Amino acid sequence: MEDKQWLMNQLEKLFEESRDYKQKALLQATKELLQEQEKRREQLQGELDGTLWSPGNWNK
């Protein structure tokens, strides 16, 4: 989690320093991609936790 925050900070810093529209667009898209990946990771973790703790699956 700490690495993700560091990366997001670096992307934000580069975004603020950039004067090139295409570079800014790429940096913004990269930040959004990382946020979406984190959201999906959390959703999958919750799904896995729910599956592992489902009483219906304990007898299998």
N, C-alpha and C. Protein backbone atom coordinates (compact mmCIF):
# COMPACT_ATOMS: atom_id res chain seq x y z
N MET A 1 0.83 -1.18 0.00
CA MET A 1 0.00 0.00 0.00
C MET A 1 0.88 1.26 0.00
N GLU A 2 1.98 1.17 0.68
CA GLU A 2 2.90 2.31 0.75
C GLU A 2 3.51 2.60 -0.62
N ASP A 3 3.82 1.53 -1.37
CA ASP A 3 4.38 1.70 -2.71
C ASP A 3 3.36 2.36 -3.63
N LYS A 4 2.10 1.99 -3.50
CA LYS A 4 1.05 2.57 -4.33
C LYS A 4 0.95 4.07 -4.05
N GLN A 5 1.00 4.45 -2.80
CA GLN A 5 0.90 5.86 -2.44
C GLN A 5 2.10 6.64 -2.98
N TRP A 6 3.29 6.04 -2.88
CA TRP A 6 4.48 6.69 -3.41
C TRP A 6 4.33 6.89 -4.92
N LEU A 7 3.87 5.85 -5.62
CA LEU A 7 3.70 5.94 -7.07
C LEU A 7 2.67 7.00 -7.44
N MET A 8 1.56 7.05 -6.72
CA MET A 8 0.54 8.06 -6.99
C MET A 8 1.10 9.46 -6.77
N ASN A 9 1.89 9.63 -5.73
CA ASN A 9 2.52 10.94 -5.46
C ASN A 9 3.47 11.33 -6.59
N GLN A 10 4.25 10.36 -7.08
CA GLN A 10 5.18 10.65 -8.17
C GLN A 10 4.43 11.02 -9.45
N LEU A 11 3.35 10.29 -9.73
CA LEU A 11 2.55 10.60 -10.92
C LEU A 11 1.93 11.99 -10.81
N GLU A 12 1.46 12.33 -9.62
CA GLU A 12 0.87 13.66 -9.41
C GLU A 12 1.92 14.75 -9.59
N LYS A 13 3.10 14.51 -9.07
CA LYS A 13 4.19 15.48 -9.20
C LYS A 13 4.55 15.69 -10.67
N LEU A 14 4.68 14.59 -11.41
CA LEU A 14 4.99 14.68 -12.83
C LEU A 14 3.87 15.38 -13.60
N PHE A 15 2.64 15.09 -13.22
CA PHE A 15 1.48 15.72 -13.86
C PHE A 15 1.53 17.23 -13.69
N GLU A 16 1.81 17.67 -12.47
CA GLU A 16 1.85 19.11 -12.19
C GLU A 16 3.01 19.80 -12.90
N GLU A 17 4.12 19.10 -13.06
CA GLU A 17 5.30 19.69 -13.69
C GLU A 17 5.23 19.68 -15.22
N SER A 18 4.43 18.80 -15.76
CA SER A 18 4.37 18.64 -17.22
C SER A 18 3.64 19.80 -17.89
N ARG A 19 4.13 20.17 -19.06
CA ARG A 19 3.49 21.21 -19.87
C ARG A 19 2.91 20.62 -21.16
N ASP A 20 3.20 19.34 -21.40
CA ASP A 20 2.76 18.67 -22.62
C ASP A 20 1.40 18.00 -22.40
N TYR A 21 0.44 18.33 -23.24
CA TYR A 21 -0.92 17.81 -23.09
C TYR A 21 -0.95 16.29 -23.14
N LYS A 22 -0.24 15.70 -24.12
CA LYS A 22 -0.26 14.24 -24.27
C LYS A 22 0.34 13.54 -23.05
N GLN A 23 1.41 14.11 -22.53
CA GLN A 23 2.04 13.53 -21.35
C GLN A 23 1.11 13.63 -20.14
N LYS A 24 0.46 14.77 -19.99
CA LYS A 24 -0.48 14.95 -18.88
C LYS A 24 -1.64 13.96 -18.99
N ALA A 25 -2.12 13.76 -20.21
CA ALA A 25 -3.21 12.81 -20.43
C ALA A 25 -2.77 11.39 -20.08
N LEU A 26 -1.56 11.03 -20.46
CA LEU A 26 -1.03 9.70 -20.13
C LEU A 26 -0.88 9.53 -18.63
N LEU A 27 -0.34 10.53 -17.96
CA LEU A 27 -0.16 10.45 -16.51
C LEU A 27 -1.50 10.34 -15.80
N GLN A 28 -2.49 11.10 -16.25
CA GLN A 28 -3.82 11.05 -15.64
C GLN A 28 -4.45 9.68 -15.85
N ALA A 29 -4.32 9.14 -17.06
CA ALA A 29 -4.88 7.82 -17.36
C ALA A 29 -4.19 6.75 -16.52
N THR A 30 -2.90 6.90 -16.30
CA THR A 30 -2.15 5.94 -15.48
C THR A 30 -2.65 5.98 -14.04
N LYS A 31 -2.88 7.16 -13.51
CA LYS A 31 -3.41 7.29 -12.14
C LYS A 31 -4.79 6.63 -12.04
N GLU A 32 -5.64 6.87 -13.03
CA GLU A 32 -6.98 6.29 -13.02
C GLU A 32 -6.92 4.77 -13.12
N LEU A 33 -6.00 4.26 -13.93
CA LEU A 33 -5.82 2.82 -14.06
C LEU A 33 -5.40 2.20 -12.74
N LEU A 34 -4.45 2.82 -12.05
CA LEU A 34 -4.00 2.31 -10.76
C LEU A 34 -5.13 2.32 -9.73
N GLN A 35 -5.95 3.35 -9.74
CA GLN A 35 -7.08 3.42 -8.81
C GLN A 35 -8.09 2.32 -9.12
N GLU A 36 -8.35 2.07 -10.39
CA GLU A 36 -9.29 1.02 -10.78
C GLU A 36 -8.74 -0.36 -10.40
N GLN A 37 -7.45 -0.57 -10.60
CA GLN A 37 -6.85 -1.84 -10.22
C GLN A 37 -6.94 -2.07 -8.71
N GLU A 38 -6.73 -1.04 -7.93
CA GLU A 38 -6.83 -1.16 -6.47
C GLU A 38 -8.27 -1.49 -6.07
N LYS A 39 -9.22 -0.84 -6.70
CA LYS A 39 -10.64 -1.11 -6.43
C LYS A 39 -10.98 -2.57 -6.74
N ARG A 40 -10.53 -3.05 -7.88
CA ARG A 40 -10.80 -4.44 -8.27
C ARG A 40 -10.09 -5.42 -7.35
N ARG A 41 -8.87 -5.08 -6.92
CA ARG A 41 -8.15 -5.96 -6.00
C ARG A 41 -8.92 -6.11 -4.69
N GLU A 42 -9.44 -4.99 -4.19
CA GLU A 42 -10.22 -5.03 -2.95
C GLU A 42 -11.50 -5.83 -3.13
N GLN A 43 -12.15 -5.68 -4.29
CA GLN A 43 -13.37 -6.44 -4.56
C GLN A 43 -13.08 -7.94 -4.63
N LEU A 44 -12.01 -8.30 -5.31
CA LEU A 44 -11.65 -9.71 -5.41
C LEU A 44 -11.24 -10.29 -4.06
N GLN A 45 -10.57 -9.49 -3.25
CA GLN A 45 -10.20 -9.95 -1.90
C GLN A 45 -11.45 -10.21 -1.08
N GLY A 46 -12.43 -9.32 -1.18
CA GLY A 46 -13.69 -9.51 -0.48
C GLY A 46 -14.43 -10.74 -0.97
N GLU A 47 -14.41 -10.97 -2.27
CA GLU A 47 -15.06 -12.15 -2.84
C GLU A 47 -14.37 -13.42 -2.35
N LEU A 48 -13.05 -13.41 -2.33
CA LEU A 48 -12.30 -14.56 -1.84
C LEU A 48 -12.59 -14.82 -0.37
N ASP A 49 -12.58 -13.76 0.44
CA ASP A 49 -12.89 -13.91 1.86
C ASP A 49 -14.28 -14.48 2.06
N GLY A 50 -15.25 -13.98 1.29
CA GLY A 50 -16.62 -14.47 1.40
C GLY A 50 -16.74 -15.93 1.02
N THR A 51 -16.02 -16.33 -0.02
CA THR A 51 -16.05 -17.72 -0.46
C THR A 51 -15.41 -18.63 0.57
N LEU A 52 -14.29 -18.22 1.11
CA LEU A 52 -13.59 -19.06 2.09
C LEU A 52 -14.37 -19.21 3.39
N TRP A 53 -15.14 -18.19 3.77
CA TRP A 53 -15.87 -18.25 5.02
C TRP A 53 -17.34 -18.63 4.85
N SER A 54 -17.71 -19.08 3.67
CA SER A 54 -19.09 -19.50 3.43
C SER A 54 -19.32 -20.87 4.06
N PRO A 55 -20.25 -20.98 5.02
CA PRO A 55 -20.51 -22.27 5.66
C PRO A 55 -20.90 -23.36 4.66
N GLY A 56 -21.50 -23.00 3.56
CA GLY A 56 -21.87 -23.99 2.55
C GLY A 56 -20.66 -24.67 1.92
N ASN A 57 -19.52 -24.02 1.97
CA ASN A 57 -18.31 -24.59 1.38
C ASN A 57 -17.44 -25.34 2.39
N TRP A 58 -17.80 -25.34 3.64
CA TRP A 58 -16.96 -25.96 4.66
C TRP A 58 -16.96 -27.49 4.56
N ASN A 59 -18.01 -28.09 4.06
CA ASN A 59 -18.10 -29.55 3.99
C ASN A 59 -17.51 -30.11 2.71
N LYS A 60 -17.03 -29.27 1.84
CA LYS A 60 -16.50 -29.75 0.55
C LYS A 60 -15.05 -30.11 0.66
